[in-house]
Amino acid sequence: MSEQMRDRMPGIAHAAEWRLLGLLFERPHDAWRGEVAALAHEVGDSEIRMVAAAAQDATEGMYMAVLGPGGVVSPREVTYCSFEDPGRILADLAGFYEAFGFHPHAEDPPDHVAVEAGFVGYLLLKEEYARLHDDQAAVEISANARRRFLETHLSPLAGAFAERLSAGGSDYLAQAALLLAARVPTTTASAPAFDQTEAFSGCGGCTFADESPEDER
């Protein structure tokens, strides 16, 4: 492994942590358990690894009772933004995802906590890829988008989501939600909508526009 790649490993591990957190909020199934176990080996955070280990005993029925349609806790951002237009939230998410080529192969809606956390991990991976290619402009675009996304979308969701899950017990979903909330800024100020034009103009010619990792799973 080159020295340059070793320098990038902490950032890549950080991206893996976010991807694993997002994965933990997806519906459990056999392939999911294998993916969770494999990804847990790539992260350095012992708390996330412990939650991933606990998730191996998860069942689809338990998940659906908590986070499924009609479950006791909603995993969707629009639920926690009572004064916001749901259409605006979903349109803003679509702008973020389209600008960075994020097309998750998931059954969940775009404002689901699993999808949003996965997108943060995707942006972190984009950022590290740009650093590897010494593309500072692309680094700044991804980093700025990540900060704005956290403040605009995950901030209104993460704290309330963790609180509601914690009230129902201390299973792996509640523990994962607490770890997610700890990584999200607590500001509740409404941030401006994401400017797709800015993202496309910045990413159109950058080194990772066509060579970045394939669609997030």
Protein backbone atom coordinates (compact mmCIF):
# COMPACT_ATOMS: atom_id res chain seq x y z
CA MET A 1 0.00 0.00 0.00
CA SER A 2 1.37 3.42 -0.97
CA GLU A 3 1.99 6.13 1.63
CA GLN A 4 -0.63 8.28 -0.06
CA MET A 5 -3.23 5.53 0.26
CA ARG A 6 -2.35 4.94 3.92
CA ASP A 7 -2.96 8.64 4.56
CA ARG A 8 -6.46 8.26 3.09
CA MET A 9 -7.45 5.24 5.17
CA PRO A 10 -8.93 7.20 8.13
CA GLY A 11 -11.22 9.10 5.77
CA ILE A 12 -12.26 5.90 4.00
CA ALA A 13 -13.00 4.28 7.38
CA HIS A 14 -15.13 7.32 8.28
CA ALA A 15 -17.11 6.86 5.07
CA ALA A 16 -17.58 3.18 5.93
CA GLU A 17 -18.95 4.12 9.36
CA TRP A 18 -21.65 6.24 7.78
CA ARG A 19 -22.46 3.56 5.24
CA LEU A 20 -22.77 1.00 8.04
CA LEU A 21 -25.01 3.28 10.10
CA GLY A 22 -27.28 3.69 7.10
CA LEU A 23 -27.29 -0.04 6.45
CA LEU A 24 -28.35 -0.76 10.02
CA PHE A 25 -31.62 1.09 9.38
CA GLU A 26 -32.51 -1.06 6.37
CA ARG A 27 -34.81 -4.06 6.54
CA PRO A 28 -32.94 -7.18 7.73
CA HIS A 29 -32.51 -10.19 5.42
CA ASP A 30 -29.85 -12.83 4.84
CA ALA A 31 -27.73 -10.82 2.38
CA TRP A 32 -28.07 -7.77 4.64
CA ARG A 33 -26.54 -9.67 7.58
CA GLY A 34 -23.53 -10.60 5.48
CA GLU A 35 -23.07 -7.02 4.30
CA VAL A 36 -23.34 -5.66 7.84
CA ALA A 37 -20.77 -8.18 9.12
CA ALA A 38 -18.35 -7.48 6.28
CA LEU A 39 -18.60 -3.70 6.60
CA ALA A 40 -18.17 -3.85 10.37
CA HIS A 41 -14.64 -5.17 9.79
CA GLU A 42 -13.81 -1.97 7.86
CA VAL A 43 -14.68 0.50 10.63
CA GLY A 44 -12.59 1.48 13.62
CA ASP A 45 -15.38 2.65 15.90
CA SER A 46 -15.91 -0.08 18.52
CA GLU A 47 -19.42 1.13 19.38
CA ILE A 48 -20.60 0.80 15.79
CA ARG A 49 -19.03 -2.66 15.59
CA MET A 50 -20.90 -3.70 18.74
CA VAL A 51 -24.21 -2.49 17.32
CA ALA A 52 -23.49 -4.31 14.05
CA ALA A 53 -22.87 -7.51 16.01
CA ALA A 54 -26.16 -7.09 17.90
CA ALA A 55 -27.98 -6.56 14.59
CA GLN A 56 -27.14 -10.10 13.48
CA ASP A 57 -30.05 -11.32 15.60
CA ALA A 58 -32.51 -8.87 14.03
CA THR A 59 -35.64 -10.20 12.36
CA GLU A 60 -37.72 -8.67 9.62
CA GLY A 61 -40.80 -8.84 11.81
CA MET A 62 -39.18 -6.88 14.62
CA TYR A 63 -37.88 -4.28 12.18
CA MET A 64 -41.25 -3.83 10.50
CA ALA A 65 -42.99 -3.42 13.85
CA VAL A 66 -40.64 -0.56 14.71
CA LEU A 67 -39.68 1.17 11.43
CA GLY A 68 -41.95 -0.37 8.82
CA PRO A 69 -45.11 1.25 7.42
CA GLY A 70 -47.37 1.72 10.40
CA GLY A 71 -44.49 1.05 12.80
CA VAL A 72 -44.13 2.83 16.12
CA VAL A 73 -41.34 5.15 14.88
CA SER A 74 -41.07 6.81 11.48
CA PRO A 75 -37.63 6.68 9.80
CA ARG A 76 -38.59 9.43 7.32
CA GLU A 77 -37.40 13.03 7.47
CA VAL A 78 -40.75 14.48 6.39
CA THR A 79 -42.26 13.21 9.65
CA TYR A 80 -39.98 15.46 11.72
CA CYS A 81 -40.40 18.67 9.68
CA SER A 82 -43.97 19.67 10.51
CA PHE A 83 -43.67 23.21 9.14
CA GLU A 84 -41.90 22.26 5.93
CA ASP A 85 -43.53 21.31 2.66
CA PRO A 86 -42.84 17.57 2.14
CA GLY A 87 -42.62 18.16 -1.60
CA ARG A 88 -39.87 20.74 -1.08
CA ILE A 89 -37.91 18.35 1.14
CA LEU A 90 -38.13 15.53 -1.38
CA ALA A 91 -37.23 17.86 -4.26
CA ASP A 92 -34.20 19.14 -2.36
CA LEU A 93 -33.08 15.57 -1.65
CA ALA A 94 -33.47 14.72 -5.33
CA GLY A 95 -31.26 17.71 -6.17
CA PHE A 96 -28.51 16.50 -3.86
CA TYR A 97 -28.66 12.91 -5.08
CA GLU A 98 -28.77 13.79 -8.76
CA ALA A 99 -25.95 16.31 -8.50
CA PHE A 100 -23.57 13.69 -7.14
CA GLY A 101 -24.80 10.67 -9.07
CA PHE A 102 -26.20 8.91 -6.02
CA HIS A 103 -28.66 6.21 -7.05
CA PRO A 104 -29.11 3.81 -4.12
CA HIS A 105 -30.44 0.34 -4.85
CA ALA A 106 -32.78 0.43 -1.90
CA GLU A 107 -36.47 -0.12 -1.29
CA ASP A 108 -36.65 2.88 1.02
CA PRO A 109 -37.90 6.37 0.04
CA PRO A 110 -35.32 9.14 -0.50
CA ASP A 111 -35.96 10.77 2.88
CA HIS A 112 -35.51 7.51 4.81
CA VAL A 113 -32.76 7.72 7.43
CA ALA A 114 -30.97 4.74 5.86
CA VAL A 115 -30.73 6.49 2.49
CA GLU A 116 -29.68 9.83 3.96
CA ALA A 117 -26.94 8.32 6.12
CA GLY A 118 -25.74 6.30 3.15
CA PHE A 119 -25.49 9.49 1.10
CA VAL A 120 -23.25 11.10 3.73
CA GLY A 121 -20.94 8.09 3.50
CA TYR A 122 -21.02 8.37 -0.29
CA LEU A 123 -19.99 12.05 -0.14
CA LEU A 124 -17.15 11.21 2.24
CA LEU A 125 -15.92 8.59 -0.20
CA LYS A 126 -16.12 11.14 -3.04
CA GLU A 127 -14.12 13.55 -0.91
CA GLU A 128 -11.35 11.03 -0.24
CA TYR A 129 -11.23 10.02 -3.90
CA ALA A 130 -10.76 13.66 -4.85
CA ARG A 131 -7.95 14.04 -2.30
CA LEU A 132 -6.26 10.97 -3.73
CA HIS A 133 -6.25 12.72 -7.12
CA ASP A 134 -5.19 16.11 -5.69
CA ASP A 135 -8.42 17.73 -6.88
CA GLN A 136 -8.95 20.37 -4.21
CA ALA A 137 -11.94 21.92 -5.98
CA ALA A 138 -13.75 18.59 -5.93
CA VAL A 139 -12.80 18.07 -2.27
CA GLU A 140 -14.40 21.37 -1.33
CA ILE A 141 -17.55 20.69 -3.37
CA SER A 142 -18.13 17.34 -1.64
CA ALA A 143 -17.23 18.67 1.81
CA ASN A 144 -19.51 21.71 1.49
CA ALA A 145 -22.38 19.60 0.18
CA ARG A 146 -21.93 17.16 3.05
CA ARG A 147 -22.09 19.94 5.65
CA ARG A 148 -25.16 21.47 4.05
CA PHE A 149 -26.87 18.11 3.75
CA LEU A 150 -26.26 17.31 7.43
CA GLU A 151 -27.61 20.69 8.54
CA THR A 152 -30.58 20.74 6.17
CA HIS A 153 -31.76 17.13 6.23
CA LEU A 154 -30.26 14.93 8.94
CA SER A 155 -30.22 17.60 11.64
CA PRO A 156 -34.03 17.90 11.87
CA LEU A 157 -34.33 14.11 11.86
CA ALA A 158 -31.53 12.50 13.87
CA GLY A 159 -32.15 13.77 17.40
CA ALA A 160 -35.91 13.24 17.46
CA PHE A 161 -35.54 9.87 15.73
CA ALA A 162 -33.05 8.68 18.37
CA GLU A 163 -35.25 9.95 21.19
CA ARG A 164 -38.31 8.08 19.94
CA LEU A 165 -36.40 4.85 19.40
CA SER A 166 -34.72 5.07 22.80
CA ALA A 167 -38.11 5.42 24.49
CA GLY A 168 -39.05 2.01 23.16
CA GLY A 169 -36.02 0.09 24.41
CA SER A 170 -32.29 -0.36 23.87
CA ASP A 171 -32.19 -2.71 20.88
CA TYR A 172 -29.71 -2.26 18.03
CA LEU A 173 -31.90 0.28 16.23
CA ALA A 174 -32.01 2.59 19.24
CA GLN A 175 -28.26 2.23 19.76
CA ALA A 176 -27.56 2.95 16.09
CA ALA A 177 -29.84 5.99 16.21
CA LEU A 178 -27.92 7.41 19.18
CA LEU A 179 -24.63 6.93 17.34
CA LEU A 180 -26.10 8.66 14.29
CA ALA A 181 -27.41 11.60 16.33
CA ALA A 182 -23.98 12.09 17.92
CA ARG A 183 -22.52 12.65 14.44
CA VAL A 184 -25.10 15.21 13.31
CA PRO A 185 -25.07 18.94 14.13
CA THR A 186 -27.90 20.00 16.42
CA THR A 187 -28.79 23.18 14.57
CA THR A 188 -32.43 23.42 13.58
CA ALA A 189 -32.08 26.48 11.37
CA SER A 190 -33.50 26.03 7.91
CA ALA A 191 -30.68 25.99 5.38
CA PRO A 192 -31.14 27.17 1.79
CA ALA A 193 -32.11 24.65 -0.84
CA PHE A 194 -29.24 22.88 -2.54
CA ASP A 195 -28.07 24.53 -5.75
CA GLN A 196 -27.80 21.76 -8.33
CA THR A 197 -26.25 24.10 -10.86
CA GLU A 198 -23.38 24.86 -8.51
CA ALA A 199 -22.70 21.17 -7.94
CA PHE A 200 -22.80 20.27 -11.62
CA SER A 201 -20.60 23.18 -12.64
CA GLY A 202 -18.07 22.18 -10.01
CA CYS A 203 -18.14 18.42 -10.64
CA GLY A 204 -18.51 18.38 -14.39
CA GLY A 205 -14.80 18.35 -15.08
CA CYS A 206 -13.37 17.02 -11.84
CA THR A 207 -11.28 13.89 -11.69
CA PHE A 208 -13.93 11.78 -10.02
CA ALA A 209 -16.92 12.79 -12.11
CA ASP A 210 -16.69 9.72 -14.32
CA GLU A 211 -14.37 7.47 -12.29
CA SER A 212 -15.88 7.59 -8.83
CA PRO A 213 -17.29 4.47 -7.15
CA GLU A 214 -20.40 2.97 -8.67
CA ASP A 215 -23.89 3.52 -7.32
CA GLU A 216 -24.27 3.15 -3.59
CA ARG A 217 -25.80 -0.17 -2.62
